[in-house]
């Protein structure tokens, strides 16, 4: 059965995350995804956003604070980042936040990750734009080390620490699954190297394909069948959904508007009505 989830930019002007999480679970969805931007630089010349940056990019809640609140009022749905900007975060703190949320939610966390598109935002966190993917990979390695070892230590290019203790450990063995949210031609090898899944944004150019992920897994000795494929920003259109399922995608993540409560709930109901057409494909 195809899983169905939703993604929203939750802000101080949208529906409250707690009410949304309850509505998502009560309508039978499988997952809720929240994105991340710590801030938006006033003077931003990054090339991946045409025109003015939408207001909701500047007002987005911290995803782990919001997801923790959602965990307290739900029992079943997956609580996911879509996406967490790992290069901008301290990996020791992030590892504890994720492990704590996994324990509190009884193992319902999924970590969608990305390296970031806003050069100035990254720079404010001390990360060079050209280094962002190398930083992301190393910080994921750091977190996996913390999650799986009793006295972890690390000696990397960007992160170094002596043996220490860090608890709690995640409920999920080895930590939550890590899905990469990006569309570039370099993504397939990154997925095969250190991720558990791929969540490309539908319609965004970049060059990556499912077949490229399959080939990258073969080169690195990974079992492609163990890689999860999720369509991010899936459309409410049956034909492209069928095409995605035929390509191996097993989860559809539908966008909700960053609007007021009534607008969001109306859209959620619209997606819920469409969901039966997706479930049994």
C-alpha atoms as a PDB file:
ATOM      1  CA  UNK A   1       0.000   0.000   0.000  1.00  0.00           C
ATOM      2  CA  UNK A   2       1.287   3.465  -0.927  1.00  0.00           C
ATOM      3  CA  UNK A   3       1.837   5.726   2.075  1.00  0.00           C
ATOM      4  CA  UNK A   4       0.446   9.259   2.042  1.00  0.00           C
ATOM      5  CA  UNK A   5       1.769  12.234   3.971  1.00  0.00           C
ATOM      6  CA  UNK A   6       1.605  16.026   3.975  1.00  0.00           C
ATOM      7  CA  UNK A   7       4.140  18.856   4.140  1.00  0.00           C
ATOM      8  CA  UNK A   8       3.539  22.368   5.449  1.00  0.00           C
ATOM      9  CA  UNK A   9       5.645  25.374   6.402  1.00  0.00           C
ATOM     10  CA  UNK A  10       4.237  25.955   9.907  1.00  0.00           C
ATOM     11  CA  UNK A  11       4.580  29.513  11.162  1.00  0.00           C
ATOM     12  CA  UNK A  12       3.183  31.855  13.786  1.00  0.00           C
ATOM     13  CA  UNK A  13       0.500  32.789  11.229  1.00  0.00           C
ATOM     14  CA  UNK A  14      -0.613  29.313  10.132  1.00  0.00           C
ATOM     15  CA  UNK A  15      -2.626  26.586  11.772  1.00  0.00           C
ATOM     16  CA  UNK A  16      -0.997  25.405  14.993  1.00  0.00           C
ATOM     17  CA  UNK A  17       1.170  22.283  14.432  1.00  0.00           C
ATOM     18  CA  UNK A  18      -0.597  20.408  17.251  1.00  0.00           C
ATOM     19  CA  UNK A  19      -4.052  20.860  15.733  1.00  0.00           C
ATOM     20  CA  UNK A  20      -2.719  19.965  12.291  1.00  0.00           C
ATOM     21  CA  UNK A  21      -1.032  16.796  13.561  1.00  0.00           C
ATOM     22  CA  UNK A  22      -4.282  15.669  15.176  1.00  0.00           C
ATOM     23  CA  UNK A  23      -6.161  16.381  11.950  1.00  0.00           C
ATOM     24  CA  UNK A  24      -3.581  14.531   9.863  1.00  0.00           C
ATOM     25  CA  UNK A  25      -3.793  11.448  12.062  1.00  0.00           C
ATOM     26  CA  UNK A  26      -7.590  11.469  12.334  1.00  0.00           C
ATOM     27  CA  UNK A  27      -7.955  11.585   8.542  1.00  0.00           C
ATOM     28  CA  UNK A  28      -5.842   8.488   8.091  1.00  0.00           C
ATOM     29  CA  UNK A  29      -2.616   9.970   6.737  1.00  0.00           C
ATOM     30  CA  UNK A  30       0.670   8.227   7.449  1.00  0.00           C
ATOM     31  CA  UNK A  31       3.089  11.109   7.973  1.00  0.00           C
ATOM     32  CA  UNK A  32       3.614  14.800   8.655  1.00  0.00           C
ATOM     33  CA  UNK A  33       6.672  16.633   7.300  1.00  0.00           C
ATOM     34  CA  UNK A  34       7.955  19.982   8.554  1.00  0.00           C
ATOM     35  CA  UNK A  35      10.739  21.992   6.879  1.00  0.00           C
ATOM     36  CA  UNK A  36      13.448  24.184   8.337  1.00  0.00           C
ATOM     37  CA  UNK A  37      14.977  27.610   7.961  1.00  0.00           C
ATOM     38  CA  UNK A  38      16.564  29.176  11.019  1.00  0.00           C
ATOM     39  CA  UNK A  39      16.190  32.622   9.453  1.00  0.00           C
ATOM     40  CA  UNK A  40      16.332  34.428   6.120  1.00  0.00           C
ATOM     41  CA  UNK A  41      19.145  36.915   5.487  1.00  0.00           C
ATOM     42  CA  UNK A  42      17.757  40.294   4.417  1.00  0.00           C
ATOM     43  CA  UNK A  43      20.346  40.580   1.666  1.00  0.00           C
ATOM     44  CA  UNK A  44      20.083  37.209  -0.077  1.00  0.00           C
ATOM     45  CA  UNK A  45      21.467  36.673  -3.563  1.00  0.00           C
ATOM     46  CA  UNK A  46      21.218  32.884  -3.598  1.00  0.00           C
ATOM     47  CA  UNK A  47      20.353  31.528  -7.039  1.00  0.00           C
ATOM     48  CA  UNK A  48      17.732  28.895  -6.166  1.00  0.00           C
ATOM     49  CA  UNK A  49      14.802  31.197  -5.440  1.00  0.00           C
ATOM     50  CA  UNK A  50      13.280  33.405  -8.157  1.00  0.00           C
ATOM     51  CA  UNK A  51      12.004  36.777  -6.984  1.00  0.00           C
ATOM     52  CA  UNK A  52      11.206  37.666  -3.392  1.00  0.00           C
ATOM     53  CA  UNK A  53      11.533  34.926  -0.792  1.00  0.00           C
ATOM     54  CA  UNK A  54       8.049  34.035   0.538  1.00  0.00           C
ATOM     55  CA  UNK A  55       7.220  35.344   3.982  1.00  0.00           C
ATOM     56  CA  UNK A  56       6.703  31.857   5.429  1.00  0.00           C
ATOM     57  CA  UNK A  57      10.383  31.027   4.824  1.00  0.00           C
ATOM     58  CA  UNK A  58      11.195  33.758   7.335  1.00  0.00           C
ATOM     59  CA  UNK A  59       8.684  32.649   9.975  1.00  0.00           C
ATOM     60  CA  UNK A  60       8.975  28.855  10.050  1.00  0.00           C
ATOM     61  CA  UNK A  61       8.860  27.157  13.454  1.00  0.00           C
ATOM     62  CA  UNK A  62      11.815  25.091  14.592  1.00  0.00           C
ATOM     63  CA  UNK A  63      10.846  21.632  13.269  1.00  0.00           C
ATOM     64  CA  UNK A  64      11.952  19.648  16.317  1.00  0.00           C
ATOM     65  CA  UNK A  65      10.078  21.870  18.765  1.00  0.00           C
ATOM     66  CA  UNK A  66       6.959  21.601  16.594  1.00  0.00           C
ATOM     67  CA  UNK A  67       7.322  17.846  16.031  1.00  0.00           C
ATOM     68  CA  UNK A  68       7.785  17.271  19.764  1.00  0.00           C
ATOM     69  CA  UNK A  69       4.468  18.991  20.392  1.00  0.00           C
ATOM     70  CA  UNK A  70       2.917  16.871  17.633  1.00  0.00           C
ATOM     71  CA  UNK A  71       4.333  13.693  19.201  1.00  0.00           C
ATOM     72  CA  UNK A  72       2.489  14.434  22.434  1.00  0.00           C
ATOM     73  CA  UNK A  73      -0.939  14.464  20.750  1.00  0.00           C
ATOM     74  CA  UNK A  74      -0.564  11.635  18.210  1.00  0.00           C
ATOM     75  CA  UNK A  75       0.060   7.911  18.405  1.00  0.00           C
ATOM     76  CA  UNK A  76       0.577   6.619  14.888  1.00  0.00           C
ATOM     77  CA  UNK A  77       1.814   9.050  12.243  1.00  0.00           C
ATOM     78  CA  UNK A  78       5.465   9.359  11.245  1.00  0.00           C
ATOM     79  CA  UNK A  79       6.978  12.677  12.379  1.00  0.00           C
ATOM     80  CA  UNK A  80       9.437  13.839   9.763  1.00  0.00           C
ATOM     81  CA  UNK A  81      11.622  16.732   8.738  1.00  0.00           C
ATOM     82  CA  UNK A  82      11.251  17.783   5.182  1.00  0.00           C
ATOM     83  CA  UNK A  83      13.948  18.906   5.302  1.00  0.00           C
ATOM     84  CA  UNK A  84      16.410  19.442   8.159  1.00  0.00           C
ATOM     85  CA  UNK A  85      19.352  21.658   7.178  1.00  0.00           C
ATOM     86  CA  UNK A  86      21.993  19.526   8.858  1.00  0.00           C
ATOM     87  CA  UNK A  87      25.056  21.623   7.900  1.00  0.00           C
ATOM     88  CA  UNK A  88      23.650  24.554   9.881  1.00  0.00           C
ATOM     89  CA  UNK A  89      23.295  22.583  13.126  1.00  0.00           C
ATOM     90  CA  UNK A  90      25.645  21.379  15.848  1.00  0.00           C
ATOM     91  CA  UNK A  91      25.612  17.585  15.332  1.00  0.00           C
ATOM     92  CA  UNK A  92      26.014  16.684  19.018  1.00  0.00           C
ATOM     93  CA  UNK A  93      22.974  18.778  19.942  1.00  0.00           C
ATOM     94  CA  UNK A  94      21.054  17.605  16.873  1.00  0.00           C
ATOM     95  CA  UNK A  95      21.772  13.949  17.661  1.00  0.00           C
ATOM     96  CA  UNK A  96      20.284  14.420  21.140  1.00  0.00           C
ATOM     97  CA  UNK A  97      17.243  16.311  19.831  1.00  0.00           C
ATOM     98  CA  UNK A  98      16.466  13.581  17.307  1.00  0.00           C
ATOM     99  CA  UNK A  99      17.089  10.751  19.778  1.00  0.00           C
ATOM    100  CA  UNK A 100      14.896  12.459  22.379  1.00  0.00           C
ATOM    101  CA  UNK A 101      12.077  12.925  19.863  1.00  0.00           C
ATOM    102  CA  UNK A 102      12.399   9.296  18.780  1.00  0.00           C
ATOM    103  CA  UNK A 103      12.054   8.136  22.392  1.00  0.00           C
ATOM    104  CA  UNK A 104       9.166  10.511  23.150  1.00  0.00           C
ATOM    105  CA  UNK A 105       7.307   9.445  19.983  1.00  0.00           C
ATOM    106  CA  UNK A 106       8.121   5.740  20.467  1.00  0.00           C
ATOM    107  CA  UNK A 107      10.199   5.434  17.308  1.00  0.00           C
ATOM    108  CA  UNK A 108       8.151   7.509  14.868  1.00  0.00           C
ATOM    109  CA  UNK A 109      10.874   9.871  13.602  1.00  0.00           C
ATOM    110  CA  UNK A 110      12.136  10.124  10.027  1.00  0.00           C
ATOM    111  CA  UNK A 111      14.936  12.533   9.160  1.00  0.00           C
ATOM    112  CA  UNK A 112      14.683  14.179   5.765  1.00  0.00           C
ATOM    113  CA  UNK A 113      17.911  16.109   5.181  1.00  0.00           C
ATOM    114  CA  UNK A 114      19.399  18.614   2.802  1.00  0.00           C
ATOM    115  CA  UNK A 115      22.478  20.782   2.511  1.00  0.00           C
ATOM    116  CA  UNK A 116      20.697  24.107   1.997  1.00  0.00           C
ATOM    117  CA  UNK A 117      20.276  26.439  -0.960  1.00  0.00           C
ATOM    118  CA  UNK A 118      20.735  29.849   0.668  1.00  0.00           C
ATOM    119  CA  UNK A 119      24.405  30.823   0.582  1.00  0.00           C
ATOM    120  CA  UNK A 120      24.010  33.658   3.062  1.00  0.00           C
ATOM    121  CA  UNK A 121      22.017  31.568   5.544  1.00  0.00           C
ATOM    122  CA  UNK A 122      24.755  28.937   5.514  1.00  0.00           C
ATOM    123  CA  UNK A 123      27.429  31.600   5.930  1.00  0.00           C
ATOM    124  CA  UNK A 124      25.681  32.939   9.047  1.00  0.00           C
ATOM    125  CA  UNK A 125      26.174  29.460  10.522  1.00  0.00           C
ATOM    126  CA  UNK A 126      29.852  29.422   9.556  1.00  0.00           C
ATOM    127  CA  UNK A 127      29.464  26.996   6.634  1.00  0.00           C
ATOM    128  CA  UNK A 128      30.989  27.661   3.229  1.00  0.00           C
ATOM    129  CA  UNK A 129      28.474  27.068   0.445  1.00  0.00           C
ATOM    130  CA  UNK A 130      30.898  24.855  -1.474  1.00  0.00           C
ATOM    131  CA  UNK A 131      31.483  22.668   1.603  1.00  0.00           C
ATOM    132  CA  UNK A 132      27.850  22.120   2.513  1.00  0.00           C
ATOM    133  CA  UNK A 133      27.459  18.544   1.237  1.00  0.00           C
ATOM    134  CA  UNK A 134      30.736  17.413   2.770  1.00  0.00           C
ATOM    135  CA  UNK A 135      29.658  18.997   6.058  1.00  0.00           C
ATOM    136  CA  UNK A 136      26.276  17.255   5.845  1.00  0.00           C
ATOM    137  CA  UNK A 137      27.820  13.833   5.256  1.00  0.00           C
ATOM    138  CA  UNK A 138      30.250  14.201   8.144  1.00  0.00           C
ATOM    139  CA  UNK A 139      27.588  15.434  10.569  1.00  0.00           C
ATOM    140  CA  UNK A 140      25.362  12.487   9.672  1.00  0.00           C
ATOM    141  CA  UNK A 141      28.314  10.195  10.387  1.00  0.00           C
ATOM    142  CA  UNK A 142      28.743  11.976  13.723  1.00  0.00           C
ATOM    143  CA  UNK A 143      25.101  11.447  14.671  1.00  0.00           C
ATOM    144  CA  UNK A 144      25.146   7.781  13.704  1.00  0.00           C
ATOM    145  CA  UNK A 145      28.262   7.345  15.827  1.00  0.00           C
ATOM    146  CA  UNK A 146      26.570   9.004  18.814  1.00  0.00           C
ATOM    147  CA  UNK A 147      23.396   6.952  18.354  1.00  0.00           C
ATOM    148  CA  UNK A 148      25.150   3.582  18.145  1.00  0.00           C
ATOM    149  CA  UNK A 149      28.198   3.766  20.447  1.00  0.00           C
ATOM    150  CA  UNK A 150      28.327   3.853  24.243  1.00  0.00           C
ATOM    151  CA  UNK A 151      31.379   6.138  24.359  1.00  0.00           C
ATOM    152  CA  UNK A 152      31.488   7.799  20.938  1.00  0.00           C
ATOM    153  CA  UNK A 153      34.372   9.919  19.707  1.00  0.00           C
ATOM    154  CA  UNK A 154      34.999  11.562  16.354  1.00  0.00           C
ATOM    155  CA  UNK A 155      37.980  12.989  14.493  1.00  0.00           C
ATOM    156  CA  UNK A 156      36.782  14.459  11.229  1.00  0.00           C
ATOM    157  CA  UNK A 157      37.417  17.433   8.971  1.00  0.00           C
ATOM    158  CA  UNK A 158      34.663  19.586  10.501  1.00  0.00           C
ATOM    159  CA  UNK A 159      33.804  17.842  13.781  1.00  0.00           C
ATOM    160  CA  UNK A 160      36.122  16.557  16.498  1.00  0.00           C
ATOM    161  CA  UNK A 161      35.423  15.361  20.024  1.00  0.00           C
ATOM    162  CA  UNK A 162      36.952  12.987  22.550  1.00  0.00           C
ATOM    163  CA  UNK A 163      35.078   9.974  23.989  1.00  0.00           C
ATOM    164  CA  UNK A 164      31.872  11.050  25.710  1.00  0.00           C
ATOM    165  CA  UNK A 165      28.449   9.833  26.782  1.00  0.00           C
ATOM    166  CA  UNK A 166      25.213  10.888  25.119  1.00  0.00           C
ATOM    167  CA  UNK A 167      21.749   9.591  25.982  1.00  0.00           C
ATOM    168  CA  UNK A 168      19.009   8.796  25.236  1.00  0.00           C
ATOM    169  CA  UNK A 169      19.705   6.536  22.302  1.00  0.00           C
ATOM    170  CA  UNK A 170      16.987   6.384  19.617  1.00  0.00           C
ATOM    171  CA  UNK A 171      14.291   3.737  19.849  1.00  0.00           C
ATOM    172  CA  UNK A 172      14.936   2.817  16.224  1.00  0.00           C
ATOM    173  CA  UNK A 173      18.011   0.625  15.889  1.00  0.00           C
ATOM    174  CA  UNK A 174      20.852   2.692  14.469  1.00  0.00           C
ATOM    175  CA  UNK A 175      18.732   5.813  14.603  1.00  0.00           C
ATOM    176  CA  UNK A 176      15.896   7.095  12.395  1.00  0.00           C
ATOM    177  CA  UNK A 177      16.032   6.580   8.657  1.00  0.00           C
ATOM    178  CA  UNK A 178      17.735   9.371   6.717  1.00  0.00           C
ATOM    179  CA  UNK A 179      16.262  10.484   3.409  1.00  0.00           C
ATOM    180  CA  UNK A 180      17.997  13.005   1.157  1.00  0.00           C
ATOM    181  CA  UNK A 181      15.816  15.755  -0.270  1.00  0.00           C
ATOM    182  CA  UNK A 182      17.575  17.040  -3.389  1.00  0.00           C
ATOM    183  CA  UNK A 183      17.329  16.601  -7.155  1.00  0.00           C
ATOM    184  CA  UNK A 184      20.858  17.137  -8.494  1.00  0.00           C
ATOM    185  CA  UNK A 185      22.833  14.650 -10.570  1.00  0.00           C
ATOM    186  CA  UNK A 186      25.193  14.126  -7.614  1.00  0.00           C
ATOM    187  CA  UNK A 187      22.418  12.948  -5.291  1.00  0.00           C
ATOM    188  CA  UNK A 188      22.240   9.276  -6.376  1.00  0.00           C
ATOM    189  CA  UNK A 189      25.786   8.575  -5.202  1.00  0.00           C
ATOM    190  CA  UNK A 190      25.136  10.384  -1.905  1.00  0.00           C
ATOM    191  CA  UNK A 191      22.035   8.259  -1.328  1.00  0.00           C
ATOM    192  CA  UNK A 192      23.940   5.055  -2.038  1.00  0.00           C
ATOM    193  CA  UNK A 193      26.785   6.223   0.192  1.00  0.00           C
ATOM    194  CA  UNK A 194      25.065   7.210   3.441  1.00  0.00           C
ATOM    195  CA  UNK A 195      21.260   7.534   3.163  1.00  0.00           C
ATOM    196  CA  UNK A 196      18.233   5.280   3.456  1.00  0.00           C
ATOM    197  CA  UNK A 197      15.986   7.005   0.976  1.00  0.00           C
ATOM    198  CA  UNK A 198      15.341   9.735  -1.561  1.00  0.00           C
ATOM    199  CA  UNK A 199      12.617  12.396  -1.467  1.00  0.00           C
ATOM    200  CA  UNK A 200      12.966  14.547  -4.623  1.00  0.00           C
ATOM    201  CA  UNK A 201      10.735  17.564  -5.192  1.00  0.00           C
ATOM    202  CA  UNK A 202       8.468  16.751  -8.117  1.00  0.00           C
ATOM    203  CA  UNK A 203       9.092  18.939 -11.131  1.00  0.00           C
ATOM    204  CA  UNK A 204      12.285  20.555  -9.881  1.00  0.00           C
ATOM    205  CA  UNK A 205      15.124  20.217 -12.415  1.00  0.00           C
ATOM    206  CA  UNK A 206      18.380  18.660 -11.377  1.00  0.00           C
ATOM    207  CA  UNK A 207      19.074  15.567 -13.395  1.00  0.00           C
ATOM    208  CA  UNK A 208      18.744  12.740 -10.862  1.00  0.00           C
ATOM    209  CA  UNK A 209      16.600   9.720 -11.739  1.00  0.00           C
ATOM    210  CA  UNK A 210      15.542   6.510 -10.041  1.00  0.00           C
ATOM    211  CA  UNK A 211      17.686   4.555 -12.487  1.00  0.00           C
ATOM    212  CA  UNK A 212      20.711   6.634 -11.464  1.00  0.00           C
ATOM    213  CA  UNK A 213      20.026   5.766  -7.825  1.00  0.00           C
ATOM    214  CA  UNK A 214      19.823   2.096  -8.790  1.00  0.00           C
ATOM    215  CA  UNK A 215      23.159   2.301 -10.633  1.00  0.00           C
ATOM    216  CA  UNK A 216      24.810   4.159  -7.753  1.00  0.00           C
ATOM    217  CA  UNK A 217      23.664   1.468  -5.316  1.00  0.00           C
ATOM    218  CA  UNK A 218      25.107  -1.232  -7.562  1.00  0.00           C
ATOM    219  CA  UNK A 219      28.468   0.546  -7.707  1.00  0.00           C
ATOM    220  CA  UNK A 220      28.606   0.904  -3.914  1.00  0.00           C
ATOM    221  CA  UNK A 221      27.307  -2.560  -3.138  1.00  0.00           C
ATOM    222  CA  UNK A 222      24.012  -1.323  -1.689  1.00  0.00           C
ATOM    223  CA  UNK A 223      20.753  -3.220  -2.066  1.00  0.00           C
ATOM    224  CA  UNK A 224      18.561  -0.859  -4.077  1.00  0.00           C
ATOM    225  CA  UNK A 225      15.419  -2.549  -2.749  1.00  0.00           C
ATOM    226  CA  UNK A 226      16.265  -1.185   0.709  1.00  0.00           C
ATOM    227  CA  UNK A 227      16.195   2.429  -0.534  1.00  0.00           C
ATOM    228  CA  UNK A 228      12.907   4.227   0.168  1.00  0.00           C
ATOM    229  CA  UNK A 229      11.532   6.490  -2.560  1.00  0.00           C
ATOM    230  CA  UNK A 230       9.106   9.278  -1.621  1.00  0.00           C
ATOM    231  CA  UNK A 231       7.679  11.918  -3.968  1.00  0.00           C
ATOM    232  CA  UNK A 232       7.917  15.338  -2.293  1.00  0.00           C
ATOM    233  CA  UNK A 233       5.250  17.905  -3.261  1.00  0.00           C
ATOM    234  CA  UNK A 234       3.199  15.244  -5.025  1.00  0.00           C
ATOM    235  CA  UNK A 235       0.314  16.549  -7.199  1.00  0.00           C
ATOM    236  CA  UNK A 236      -3.366  15.787  -6.781  1.00  0.00           C
ATOM    237  CA  UNK A 237      -3.330  14.173 -10.216  1.00  0.00           C
ATOM    238  CA  UNK A 238      -3.707  10.463 -10.782  1.00  0.00           C
ATOM    239  CA  UNK A 239      -1.511  10.073 -13.898  1.00  0.00           C
ATOM    240  CA  UNK A 240       1.774  11.387 -12.423  1.00  0.00           C
ATOM    241  CA  UNK A 241       1.114   9.453  -9.215  1.00  0.00           C
ATOM    242  CA  UNK A 242       0.716   6.218 -11.198  1.00  0.00           C
ATOM    243  CA  UNK A 243       3.929   7.007 -13.090  1.00  0.00           C
ATOM    244  CA  UNK A 244       5.806   7.591  -9.828  1.00  0.00           C
ATOM    245  CA  UNK A 245       4.508   4.357  -8.309  1.00  0.00           C
ATOM    246  CA  UNK A 246       5.580   2.470 -11.431  1.00  0.00           C
ATOM    247  CA  UNK A 247       9.065   3.965 -10.923  1.00  0.00           C
ATOM    248  CA  UNK A 248       9.148   2.533  -7.407  1.00  0.00           C
ATOM    249  CA  UNK A 249       7.961   5.414  -5.221  1.00  0.00           C
ATOM    250  CA  UNK A 250       6.180   4.123  -2.137  1.00  0.00           C
ATOM    251  CA  UNK A 251       5.140   7.376  -0.431  1.00  0.00           C
ATOM    252  CA  UNK A 252       3.426  10.506  -1.722  1.00  0.00           C
ATOM    253  CA  UNK A 253       3.916  13.727   0.253  1.00  0.00           C
ATOM    254  CA  UNK A 254       1.292  16.354  -0.614  1.00  0.00           C
ATOM    255  CA  UNK A 255       1.806  20.079   0.050  1.00  0.00           C
ATOM    256  CA  UNK A 256      -0.461  22.133   2.278  1.00  0.00           C
ATOM    257  CA  UNK A 257      -0.554  25.942   2.064  1.00  0.00           C
ATOM    258  CA  UNK A 258       1.150  28.018   4.738  1.00  0.00           C
ATOM    259  CA  UNK A 259      -2.150  29.689   5.536  1.00  0.00           C
ATOM    260  CA  UNK A 260      -4.710  30.061   8.297  1.00  0.00           C
ATOM    261  CA  UNK A 261      -6.456  27.171  10.034  1.00  0.00           C
ATOM    262  CA  UNK A 262      -9.572  27.005   7.863  1.00  0.00           C
ATOM    263  CA  UNK A 263      -7.648  27.205   4.586  1.00  0.00           C
ATOM    264  CA  UNK A 264      -5.256  24.451   5.649  1.00  0.00           C
ATOM    265  CA  UNK A 265      -8.021  22.138   6.876  1.00  0.00           C
ATOM    266  CA  UNK A 266      -9.987  22.585   3.649  1.00  0.00           C
ATOM    267  CA  UNK A 267      -6.919  21.595   1.648  1.00  0.00           C
ATOM    268  CA  UNK A 268      -6.233  18.673   3.990  1.00  0.00           C
ATOM    269  CA  UNK A 269      -9.781  17.419   3.402  1.00  0.00           C
ATOM    270  CA  UNK A 270      -9.262  17.744  -0.358  1.00  0.00           C
ATOM    271  CA  UNK A 271      -6.099  15.653  -0.161  1.00  0.00           C
ATOM    272  CA  UNK A 272      -7.862  13.133   2.090  1.00  0.00           C
ATOM    273  CA  UNK A 273     -10.587  12.713  -0.529  1.00  0.00           C
ATOM    274  CA  UNK A 274      -7.919  12.024  -3.164  1.00  0.00           C
ATOM    275  CA  UNK A 275      -5.986   9.606  -0.943  1.00  0.00           C
ATOM    276  CA  UNK A 276      -8.046   6.452  -1.717  1.00  0.00           C
ATOM    277  CA  UNK A 277      -7.011   6.749  -5.370  1.00  0.00           C
ATOM    278  CA  UNK A 278      -3.385   6.492  -4.260  1.00  0.00           C
ATOM    279  CA  UNK A 279      -3.507   3.866  -1.524  1.00  0.00           C
ATOM    280  CA  UNK A 280      -3.907   0.726  -3.587  1.00  0.00           C
ATOM    281  CA  UNK A 281      -1.858   1.588  -6.663  1.00  0.00           C
END
